Amino acid sequence: MFDQTSHHVPSSLPQLHDVRIAVIGLGYVGLPLAAAFATRFPVVGYDHSENRITDLKRGYDKTLEISSEELMSVIIGDRDQNGLFFSADVSDIKDCNIYIVAVPTPTDVHNRPDLDLIKKASATVGSVISRSDIVIYESTVYPGLTEEICIPIVEKASGLTFNADFYAGYSPERINPGDKVHTLTNIIKVTSGSTPEVADLVDDLYKTIITAGTHKAPSIKVAEACKVIENSQRDINIAFVNEIAKIFNILNIDTQAVLEAAGTKWNFLNFKPGLVGGHCTGVDPYYLAQKAQEVGYHPEIILAGRRINDGMGTYVAQEVVKLMIKNNISVKHANVLILGFTFKENCPDVRNTRVIDIICSLKEYDIDCQVYDPWANKIEVKFEYGIELLNDLNSNYDAIVLAVAHDEFLQLEYSALKKRTDTVIYDIKSVIPEDKVSSRL
C-alpha cells in the first residue's frame, strides 16, 4: 500500500515540456479529456473499438460531448506534434509517458462492482509502460482499488516495480454528461500521486487545462474516496425526496409545492424526486458499499438510499396502473407511451437508465409499452435493452408517462396524443403544466 507519504524518490519523472499522453477509453470521460490535453501536448486517444476510432477520425462523437468543429480542430496526423491522434492499435501508445485510464466501472446484475474493463485497461498499460512513466486513473473506484487491484496488474504485465520503476496517480472524473455549463475545464479537479513528487507532477499536468484550478489530495485513497462519496451523498438526498414524494402522495399533498415552499429557506438542499440512473449516481454507492462490507461494516444509510431509488421505476408503474383502473381503462393490452429512455434530459447516454424499470414493470401487467426518445441511439437501445424505439408519435395512447425531460417534450401537444379524453398522463419530472396531467411524482 502506497500513498504520497512514501519515501520513494523518482529517478527521472517526465517533465511537462516532454509529456506525451495516452488516454485509454474514449467515452464521455476520456474524449473531452483527450481533446483538452491535445491543446497543450501530443495525445494519443486509444480505444479498443475500431468503429469508435473511425467515427472520431471523421469528427463524429456519438456522445455529443465534443462538437465536430472542436474535434477537427485538435486532430492531427503526426503523433510528435501537439494535438490528438486516434488509434485502436496498442503499439501507437508505446512511446507515451503518461497513461490516463478513463474506462467505465459499472456494476453487474447483482449490483457488485464490475472491474473487467479497468482490469483490461491496466493490462494494456502494463504491456506498454516504461521506466519512469506514470499511469493515472480517472475511472470511479472504491478507496484502495487503484493500488490493490490495478497496480499489481500493471506490475505483472510490465515486469516493473511500482514506485521504483513506474508511478501512479488518481484524479476522479467529474464529467456531467450533457452539461454544457459545468464542463471539464471549469470544474475543480482533485489530483493525487503515489509519491509527493509524482503528486506534484500530476497536479501541474492538470493545471495546464483546468481553468477552475485543482485540489491536491494527500493520497490516492483520499482522491478515490472523495469521488464515491460525492455521488453517494447525492443518491441519498434524492432517495429522501423520493420517499417524501411517496408519503405526500398518500396524504394527497403536492410534493413539488412542498419543495418550493421548503426551498425558501437558505440552507434547504434543492433535490427533486425521480429516477436515479446513469454511470455515477446510480452506481458509485455500490462501490463504496462493497468496500465497506469487505472490511466488516454494513452501510445502512447508503444501501437504504439505493433500495429506495432502485424501486422508483416499479413505483411509477404501479401508480400509472392505479390511475388507469380509476379511469376504467382496461389495463391488459393497454397502449402506453413512454417519453424518454436516456438516463437524463438532453443527453444520448442510456447507460444504467432506470426508465427500463418502468417498462419492465408495466409489461408484467401485459401492457404494450411504446418508447419514444429523439436523443437515444435506436441501434444501441435495441442491442443493450431489446427495445425498439418509435420513429413517430400517434394519437392512440391509453396512458402517457413523461420519463425524461428532453426539451422536445416540453413543447408537445399532449392532448393530440390521447386515445381518449381520460387518457392518463403521468409526469415524473414535473415539467408539464399541472392542469394537463393526471398525476406527477
Protein backbone atom coordinates (compact mmCIF):
# COMPACT_ATOMS: atom_id res chain seq x y z
CA MET A 1 0.00 0.00 0.00
CA PHE A 2 1.43 3.34 -1.08
CA ASP A 3 0.50 6.99 -0.73
CA GLN A 4 2.15 10.37 -1.03
CA THR A 5 3.86 9.98 2.34
CA SER A 6 6.07 7.18 0.93
CA HIS A 7 9.77 7.99 0.77
CA HIS A 8 10.48 6.56 -2.69
CA VAL A 9 12.22 9.23 -4.75
CA PRO A 10 11.56 9.02 -8.50
CA SER A 11 14.75 8.70 -10.52
CA SER A 12 13.60 10.74 -13.51
CA LEU A 13 9.97 11.70 -13.90
CA PRO A 14 8.69 13.08 -17.20
CA GLN A 15 8.95 16.85 -17.48
CA LEU A 16 5.93 18.87 -18.59
CA HIS A 17 7.70 20.04 -21.73
CA ASP A 18 8.30 16.41 -22.72
CA VAL A 19 4.94 14.90 -21.78
CA ARG A 20 3.32 12.51 -24.27
CA ILE A 21 -0.13 11.41 -23.14
CA ALA A 22 -2.18 8.32 -23.92
CA VAL A 23 -5.85 8.43 -22.93
CA ILE A 24 -7.28 4.93 -22.72
CA GLY A 25 -11.04 4.84 -23.21
CA LEU A 26 -12.72 7.49 -25.37
CA GLY A 27 -16.20 7.71 -23.93
CA TYR A 28 -17.95 10.51 -22.05
CA VAL A 29 -14.88 10.99 -19.82
CA GLY A 30 -11.89 10.12 -21.96
CA LEU A 31 -12.72 12.03 -25.14
CA PRO A 32 -13.20 15.50 -23.56
CA LEU A 33 -10.03 14.89 -21.52
CA ALA A 34 -8.01 13.89 -24.58
CA ALA A 35 -9.29 16.88 -26.56
CA ALA A 36 -8.41 19.28 -23.74
CA PHE A 37 -4.90 17.91 -23.26
CA ALA A 38 -4.37 17.94 -27.04
CA THR A 39 -4.36 21.74 -26.97
CA ARG A 40 -1.14 21.58 -24.94
CA PHE A 41 0.52 18.20 -25.57
CA PRO A 42 0.86 15.35 -28.07
CA VAL A 43 -2.02 12.99 -27.18
CA VAL A 44 -2.96 9.55 -28.45
CA GLY A 45 -6.61 8.71 -27.88
CA TYR A 46 -6.80 4.92 -27.64
CA ASP A 47 -9.96 2.83 -27.70
CA HIS A 48 -10.34 -0.88 -28.43
CA SER A 49 -13.41 -0.17 -30.58
CA GLU A 50 -12.34 0.37 -34.17
CA ASN A 51 -15.81 1.72 -35.02
CA ARG A 52 -15.42 4.37 -32.33
CA ILE A 53 -11.99 5.34 -33.68
CA THR A 54 -13.33 5.53 -37.24
CA ASP A 55 -16.16 7.84 -36.15
CA LEU A 56 -13.80 10.09 -34.18
CA LYS A 57 -11.34 10.39 -37.04
CA ARG A 58 -14.23 11.70 -39.14
CA GLY A 59 -15.04 14.22 -36.42
CA TYR A 60 -18.19 12.48 -35.18
CA ASP A 61 -18.72 11.95 -31.44
CA LYS A 62 -21.84 9.88 -30.75
CA THR A 63 -21.84 11.02 -27.11
CA LEU A 64 -22.30 14.63 -28.30
CA GLU A 65 -19.81 15.81 -25.68
CA ILE A 66 -17.47 17.26 -28.32
CA SER A 67 -18.68 19.10 -31.42
CA SER A 68 -17.32 18.19 -34.85
CA GLU A 69 -15.68 21.60 -35.13
CA GLU A 70 -13.91 21.24 -31.79
CA LEU A 71 -12.82 17.71 -32.60
CA MET A 72 -11.46 18.51 -36.04
CA SER A 73 -9.53 21.47 -34.64
CA VAL A 74 -7.32 19.20 -32.50
CA ILE A 75 -7.00 16.08 -34.67
CA ILE A 76 -3.50 15.58 -36.09
CA GLY A 77 -1.79 13.04 -38.31
CA ASP A 78 1.68 13.36 -36.77
CA ARG A 79 1.99 11.99 -33.23
CA ASP A 80 5.04 14.15 -32.49
CA GLN A 81 3.03 17.38 -32.61
CA ASN A 82 0.64 18.83 -30.07
CA GLY A 83 -2.80 17.53 -30.93
CA LEU A 84 -4.95 14.42 -30.86
CA PHE A 85 -4.14 11.21 -32.72
CA PHE A 86 -6.75 8.45 -32.61
CA SER A 87 -5.86 4.76 -32.66
CA ALA A 88 -7.17 1.29 -31.87
CA ASP A 89 -3.63 -0.10 -32.16
CA VAL A 90 -1.90 -0.51 -28.79
CA SER A 91 1.52 -0.10 -30.41
CA ASP A 92 0.65 3.56 -31.04
CA ILE A 93 0.77 4.32 -27.30
CA LYS A 94 4.12 2.65 -26.61
CA ASP A 95 6.11 5.89 -26.80
CA CYS A 96 3.86 7.79 -24.36
CA ASN A 97 4.99 8.51 -20.81
CA ILE A 98 1.69 9.47 -19.17
CA TYR A 99 -1.13 6.91 -19.37
CA ILE A 100 -4.60 8.06 -18.31
CA VAL A 101 -7.23 5.33 -17.84
CA ALA A 102 -10.81 6.54 -18.35
CA VAL A 103 -12.87 3.40 -18.84
CA PRO A 104 -16.34 2.74 -17.33
CA THR A 105 -16.65 0.97 -13.98
CA PRO A 106 -20.23 -0.32 -13.93
CA THR A 107 -21.95 -2.82 -11.65
CA ASP A 108 -23.17 -6.30 -12.59
CA VAL A 109 -26.73 -7.64 -12.37
CA HIS A 110 -26.21 -8.21 -8.65
CA ASN A 111 -25.03 -4.60 -8.11
CA ARG A 112 -21.47 -5.70 -7.46
CA PRO A 113 -18.56 -3.73 -8.96
CA ASP A 114 -17.71 -4.97 -12.45
CA LEU A 115 -13.97 -4.43 -12.80
CA ASP A 116 -13.43 -6.19 -16.13
CA LEU A 117 -12.82 -3.04 -18.17
CA ILE A 118 -10.46 -1.38 -15.70
CA LYS A 119 -8.51 -4.63 -15.29
CA LYS A 120 -8.16 -4.98 -19.07
CA ALA A 121 -7.08 -1.33 -19.34
CA SER A 122 -4.48 -1.91 -16.63
CA ALA A 123 -3.13 -4.92 -18.51
CA THR A 124 -2.97 -2.78 -21.66
CA VAL A 125 -0.97 -0.13 -19.80
CA GLY A 126 1.30 -2.82 -18.38
CA SER A 127 2.06 -4.07 -21.87
CA VAL A 128 3.48 -0.71 -22.98
CA ILE A 129 4.59 1.22 -19.88
CA SER A 130 8.29 2.00 -19.47
CA ARG A 131 10.56 3.08 -16.62
CA SER A 132 9.69 6.44 -15.03
CA ASP A 133 6.25 6.52 -16.72
CA ILE A 134 3.08 7.39 -14.81
CA VAL A 135 -0.36 5.79 -15.02
CA ILE A 136 -3.25 7.98 -13.85
CA TYR A 137 -6.71 6.54 -13.21
CA GLU A 138 -9.86 8.62 -13.68
CA SER A 139 -12.38 5.77 -13.51
CA THR A 140 -14.57 5.76 -10.42
CA VAL A 141 -13.42 3.11 -7.93
CA TYR A 142 -13.69 2.32 -4.24
CA PRO A 143 -10.89 3.50 -1.92
CA GLY A 144 -7.84 1.30 -2.35
CA LEU A 145 -8.76 -0.25 -5.70
CA THR A 146 -6.08 1.58 -7.69
CA GLU A 147 -3.20 0.31 -5.56
CA GLU A 148 -4.71 -3.04 -4.54
CA ILE A 149 -6.17 -4.22 -7.86
CA CYS A 150 -4.96 -2.12 -10.80
CA ILE A 151 -1.30 -1.54 -9.98
CA PRO A 152 -0.47 -5.23 -9.41
CA ILE A 153 -1.89 -5.94 -12.89
CA VAL A 154 0.37 -3.26 -14.37
CA GLU A 155 3.34 -4.70 -12.46
CA LYS A 156 2.67 -8.23 -13.65
CA ALA A 157 2.20 -7.24 -17.31
CA SER A 158 5.22 -4.93 -17.37
CA GLY A 159 7.69 -6.70 -15.11
CA LEU A 160 8.30 -3.31 -13.46
CA THR A 161 8.06 -2.38 -9.78
CA PHE A 162 5.58 0.21 -8.57
CA ASN A 163 7.07 3.40 -7.09
CA ALA A 164 10.55 2.29 -8.15
CA ASP A 165 10.23 1.81 -11.91
CA PHE A 166 6.85 3.43 -12.61
CA TYR A 167 4.36 5.56 -10.68
CA ALA A 168 0.65 6.21 -10.34
CA GLY A 169 -1.85 8.96 -9.85
CA TYR A 170 -5.59 9.22 -9.39
CA SER A 171 -7.79 12.11 -10.49
CA PRO A 172 -11.52 11.31 -10.30
CA GLU A 173 -13.59 12.34 -13.28
CA ARG A 174 -16.35 14.85 -12.64
CA ILE A 175 -17.94 14.88 -16.08
CA ASN A 176 -21.68 15.55 -16.13
CA PRO A 177 -22.92 14.14 -19.47
CA GLY A 178 -24.93 16.62 -21.50
CA ASP A 179 -23.99 19.56 -19.25
CA LYS A 180 -22.60 22.40 -21.37
CA VAL A 181 -22.12 24.69 -18.35
CA HIS A 182 -20.19 22.53 -15.88
CA THR A 183 -17.58 21.19 -18.29
CA LEU A 184 -14.21 19.50 -17.74
CA THR A 185 -12.09 22.64 -17.60
CA ASN A 186 -14.29 24.74 -15.32
CA ILE A 187 -14.79 22.16 -12.55
CA ILE A 188 -12.11 21.98 -9.84
CA LYS A 189 -10.04 18.83 -10.38
CA VAL A 190 -8.93 16.62 -7.50
CA THR A 191 -5.47 15.14 -8.09
CA SER A 192 -3.14 12.76 -6.28
CA GLY A 193 0.01 10.72 -6.77
CA SER A 194 1.82 7.70 -5.34
CA THR A 195 4.75 9.82 -4.08
CA PRO A 196 4.94 13.53 -3.21
CA GLU A 197 6.96 14.25 -6.36
CA VAL A 198 4.50 12.37 -8.56
CA ALA A 199 1.59 14.14 -6.89
CA ASP A 200 3.17 17.48 -7.76
CA LEU A 201 3.68 16.47 -11.38
CA VAL A 202 0.13 15.11 -11.75
CA ASP A 203 -1.25 18.30 -10.22
CA ASP A 204 0.87 20.50 -12.50
CA LEU A 205 -0.24 18.46 -15.51
CA TYR A 206 -3.94 19.02 -14.85
CA LYS A 207 -3.37 22.67 -14.04
CA THR A 208 -2.40 23.19 -17.69
CA ILE A 209 -6.02 22.56 -18.78
CA ILE A 210 -8.24 23.08 -15.71
CA THR A 211 -9.10 26.78 -15.53
CA ALA A 212 -11.09 26.28 -12.31
CA GLY A 213 -7.96 25.08 -10.51
CA THR A 214 -7.00 21.84 -8.78
CA HIS A 215 -7.10 20.33 -5.30
CA LYS A 216 -4.19 18.07 -4.44
CA ALA A 217 -5.39 15.29 -2.15
CA PRO A 218 -2.92 13.84 0.39
CA SER A 219 -3.17 10.29 -1.02
CA ILE A 220 -4.64 8.24 -3.81
CA LYS A 221 -7.12 6.69 -1.37
CA VAL A 222 -8.43 10.11 -0.35
CA ALA A 223 -8.94 11.04 -4.00
CA GLU A 224 -10.72 7.75 -4.67
CA ALA A 225 -12.94 8.19 -1.62
CA CYS A 226 -13.93 11.75 -2.43
CA LYS A 227 -15.46 10.68 -5.73
CA VAL A 228 -17.60 7.87 -4.37
CA ILE A 229 -18.97 9.97 -1.52
CA GLU A 230 -19.87 12.86 -3.86
CA ASN A 231 -22.31 10.65 -5.72
CA SER A 232 -23.34 8.64 -2.67
CA GLN A 233 -24.36 11.87 -0.95
CA ARG A 234 -26.41 12.91 -3.99
CA ASP A 235 -28.02 9.47 -4.16
CA ILE A 236 -29.07 9.62 -0.51
CA ASN A 237 -30.53 13.11 -0.89
CA ILE A 238 -32.58 12.03 -3.90
CA ALA A 239 -33.72 8.94 -2.00
CA PHE A 240 -35.01 11.21 0.76
CA VAL A 241 -37.16 13.29 -1.59
CA ASN A 242 -38.33 10.12 -3.35
CA GLU A 243 -39.51 8.80 -0.02
CA ILE A 244 -41.31 12.00 0.93
CA ALA A 245 -42.93 12.03 -2.52
CA LYS A 246 -44.42 8.62 -1.73
CA ILE A 247 -45.62 9.83 1.69
CA PHE A 248 -47.14 13.03 0.32
CA ASN A 249 -48.88 11.09 -2.44
CA ILE A 250 -50.68 9.04 0.20
CA LEU A 251 -51.53 12.25 2.09
CA ASN A 252 -52.73 13.90 -1.13
CA ILE A 253 -50.19 16.72 -0.78
CA ASP A 254 -48.39 18.23 -3.81
CA THR A 255 -44.71 17.29 -3.36
CA GLN A 256 -43.49 19.98 -5.75
CA ALA A 257 -45.39 22.66 -3.83
CA VAL A 258 -43.85 21.40 -0.59
CA LEU A 259 -40.34 21.51 -2.06
CA GLU A 260 -40.87 25.01 -3.42
CA ALA A 261 -42.02 26.21 -0.01
CA ALA A 262 -39.17 24.49 1.83
CA GLY A 263 -36.70 25.85 -0.73
CA THR A 264 -37.27 29.38 0.52
CA LYS A 265 -35.01 28.56 3.48
CA TRP A 266 -31.36 29.40 2.74
CA ASN A 267 -29.94 26.03 3.77
CA PHE A 268 -32.56 23.71 2.30
CA LEU A 269 -30.98 21.41 -0.29
CA ASN A 270 -32.73 21.60 -3.65
CA PHE A 271 -33.21 17.98 -4.73
CA LYS A 272 -36.17 16.64 -6.68
CA PRO A 273 -37.74 13.19 -6.80
CA GLY A 274 -37.17 10.97 -9.81
CA LEU A 275 -35.35 8.05 -11.36
CA VAL A 276 -31.66 7.69 -10.50
CA GLY A 277 -29.56 6.08 -13.21
CA GLY A 278 -26.50 6.85 -15.26
CA HIS A 279 -22.86 5.97 -14.87
CA CYS A 280 -22.24 7.64 -11.49
CA THR A 281 -25.03 8.39 -9.02
CA GLY A 282 -26.80 5.08 -9.53
CA VAL A 283 -23.57 3.07 -9.43
CA ASP A 284 -20.93 4.66 -7.19
CA PRO A 285 -22.70 3.98 -3.86
CA TYR A 286 -22.42 0.26 -4.58
CA TYR A 287 -18.63 0.62 -4.91
CA LEU A 288 -18.40 2.25 -1.50
CA ALA A 289 -20.79 -0.30 -0.01
CA GLN A 290 -18.75 -3.17 -1.44
CA LYS A 291 -15.56 -1.91 0.18
CA ALA A 292 -17.33 -1.25 3.49
CA GLN A 293 -18.69 -4.78 3.57
CA GLU A 294 -15.26 -6.22 2.75
CA VAL A 295 -13.89 -4.66 5.94
CA GLY A 296 -16.85 -5.84 8.01
CA TYR A 297 -19.10 -2.76 8.09
CA HIS A 298 -22.68 -2.84 6.85
CA PRO A 299 -23.52 0.60 5.35
CA GLU A 300 -27.16 1.05 6.30
CA ILE A 301 -27.92 4.56 5.01
CA ILE A 302 -26.11 4.10 1.70
CA LEU A 303 -27.89 0.84 0.88
CA ALA A 304 -31.24 2.10 2.13
CA GLY A 305 -30.96 5.03 -0.28
CA ARG A 306 -30.10 2.64 -3.10
CA ARG A 307 -33.12 0.43 -2.33
CA ILE A 308 -35.48 3.41 -2.44
CA ASN A 309 -34.06 4.78 -5.67
CA ASP A 310 -33.84 1.39 -7.37
CA GLY A 311 -37.52 0.86 -6.61
CA MET A 312 -38.80 4.08 -8.15
CA GLY A 313 -39.42 2.61 -11.62
CA THR A 314 -41.70 -0.05 -10.17
CA TYR A 315 -43.42 2.57 -8.01
CA VAL A 316 -44.15 4.78 -11.04
CA ALA A 317 -45.54 1.82 -12.99
CA GLN A 318 -47.85 0.88 -10.13
CA GLU A 319 -49.10 4.47 -9.82
CA VAL A 320 -49.85 4.59 -13.56
CA VAL A 321 -51.79 1.32 -13.38
CA LYS A 322 -53.81 2.60 -10.40
CA LEU A 323 -54.74 5.75 -12.33
CA MET A 324 -55.78 3.68 -15.35
CA ILE A 325 -58.01 1.50 -13.17
CA LYS A 326 -59.61 4.60 -11.62
CA ASN A 327 -60.38 5.84 -15.12
CA ASN A 328 -61.90 2.47 -16.08
CA ILE A 329 -59.17 1.91 -18.66
CA SER A 330 -58.57 -1.75 -19.40
CA VAL A 331 -55.01 -2.42 -18.25
CA LYS A 332 -54.35 -5.63 -20.17
CA HIS A 333 -53.02 -4.83 -23.66
CA ALA A 334 -53.34 -1.08 -22.99
CA ASN A 335 -51.19 1.13 -25.21
CA VAL A 336 -48.80 3.15 -23.01
CA LEU A 337 -46.35 5.71 -24.35
CA ILE A 338 -43.05 6.22 -22.52
CA LEU A 339 -41.47 9.56 -23.39
CA GLY A 340 -37.70 9.36 -22.96
CA PHE A 341 -35.30 6.49 -22.43
CA THR A 342 -31.91 8.10 -21.70
CA PHE A 343 -30.86 8.40 -18.06
CA LYS A 344 -31.17 12.21 -18.14
CA GLU A 345 -32.52 15.01 -20.29
CA ASN A 346 -30.91 16.34 -23.48
CA CYS A 347 -28.25 13.62 -23.48
CA PRO A 348 -27.90 10.42 -25.54
CA ASP A 349 -26.47 8.35 -22.66
CA VAL A 350 -28.56 5.24 -21.97
CA ARG A 351 -26.13 3.59 -19.55
CA ASN A 352 -27.91 2.30 -16.46
CA THR A 353 -31.13 4.11 -17.42
CA ARG A 354 -33.84 3.32 -14.91
CA VAL A 355 -36.62 4.01 -17.42
CA ILE A 356 -36.22 0.33 -18.25
CA ASP A 357 -37.61 -0.49 -14.78
CA ILE A 358 -40.89 1.29 -15.61
CA ILE A 359 -41.18 -0.59 -18.88
CA CYS A 360 -40.46 -3.99 -17.33
CA SER A 361 -42.95 -3.38 -14.52
CA LEU A 362 -45.70 -2.27 -16.91
CA LYS A 363 -45.12 -5.32 -19.09
CA GLU A 364 -45.89 -7.52 -16.09
CA TYR A 365 -49.48 -6.25 -16.46
CA ASP A 366 -49.47 -7.26 -20.17
CA ILE A 367 -49.31 -3.61 -21.13
CA ASP A 368 -47.99 -2.69 -24.57
CA CYS A 369 -45.23 -0.15 -23.96
CA GLN A 370 -44.07 2.08 -26.79
CA VAL A 371 -40.96 4.18 -26.23
CA TYR A 372 -40.04 7.41 -27.97
CA ASP A 373 -36.74 9.22 -27.49
CA PRO A 374 -35.23 11.51 -30.14
CA TRP A 375 -31.91 11.61 -28.27
CA ALA A 376 -31.24 7.90 -27.82
CA ASN A 377 -29.47 5.78 -30.43
CA LYS A 378 -32.01 3.26 -31.74
CA ILE A 379 -29.40 0.61 -32.53
CA GLU A 380 -27.77 0.90 -29.11
CA VAL A 381 -31.11 0.71 -27.28
CA LYS A 382 -32.12 -2.35 -29.29
CA PHE A 383 -28.78 -4.06 -28.64
CA GLU A 384 -28.50 -3.22 -24.93
CA TYR A 385 -32.15 -3.44 -23.86
CA GLY A 386 -34.03 -5.23 -26.67
CA ILE A 387 -36.37 -2.27 -27.15
CA GLU A 388 -37.47 -0.82 -30.49
CA LEU A 389 -37.77 2.94 -30.25
CA LEU A 390 -40.60 4.64 -32.10
CA ASN A 391 -39.87 6.76 -35.15
CA ASP A 392 -43.02 8.86 -34.75
CA LEU A 393 -45.84 9.51 -32.32
CA ASN A 394 -49.56 8.93 -32.90
CA SER A 395 -52.81 9.58 -31.04
CA ASN A 396 -53.54 6.10 -29.79
CA TYR A 397 -52.30 6.07 -26.19
CA ASP A 398 -54.28 4.96 -23.13
CA ALA A 399 -51.58 6.36 -20.87
CA ILE A 400 -48.53 8.59 -21.31
CA VAL A 401 -45.52 8.64 -18.98
CA LEU A 402 -43.08 11.54 -19.24
CA ALA A 403 -39.91 9.84 -18.01
CA VAL A 404 -37.18 12.20 -19.27
CA ALA A 405 -37.50 15.99 -19.62
CA HIS A 406 -35.95 16.43 -23.07
CA ASP A 407 -36.55 19.92 -24.45
CA GLU A 408 -38.56 18.39 -27.29
CA PHE A 409 -41.11 17.04 -24.81
CA LEU A 410 -41.74 20.44 -23.23
CA GLN A 411 -43.35 21.64 -26.46
CA LEU A 412 -45.52 18.59 -27.15
CA GLU A 413 -49.27 18.96 -27.56
CA TYR A 414 -50.24 16.17 -25.18
CA SER A 415 -53.95 16.35 -25.95
CA ALA A 416 -53.15 15.29 -29.53
CA LEU A 417 -51.56 12.07 -28.23
CA LYS A 418 -54.58 10.90 -26.26
CA LYS A 419 -56.67 7.96 -27.41
CA ARG A 420 -59.46 9.06 -25.07
CA THR A 421 -60.38 12.09 -23.01
CA ASP A 422 -59.41 10.29 -19.79
CA THR A 423 -56.02 9.07 -21.03
CA VAL A 424 -53.65 9.01 -18.05
CA ILE A 425 -50.72 11.43 -18.20
CA TYR A 426 -48.10 10.84 -15.53
CA ASP A 427 -45.29 13.38 -15.24
CA ILE A 428 -42.21 12.08 -13.43
CA LYS A 429 -40.24 15.31 -13.99
CA SER A 430 -42.99 17.81 -13.10
CA VAL A 431 -42.45 19.87 -16.26
CA ILE A 432 -45.90 19.59 -17.85
CA PRO A 433 -48.43 22.19 -16.64
CA GLU A 434 -50.24 20.74 -13.65
CA ASP A 435 -53.70 21.15 -15.18
CA LYS A 436 -52.72 18.91 -18.11
CA VAL A 437 -51.56 15.87 -16.12
CA SER A 438 -53.31 13.14 -14.15
CA SER A 439 -50.55 13.00 -11.59
CA ARG A 440 -46.88 13.73 -11.08
CA LEU A 441 -44.14 12.37 -8.90
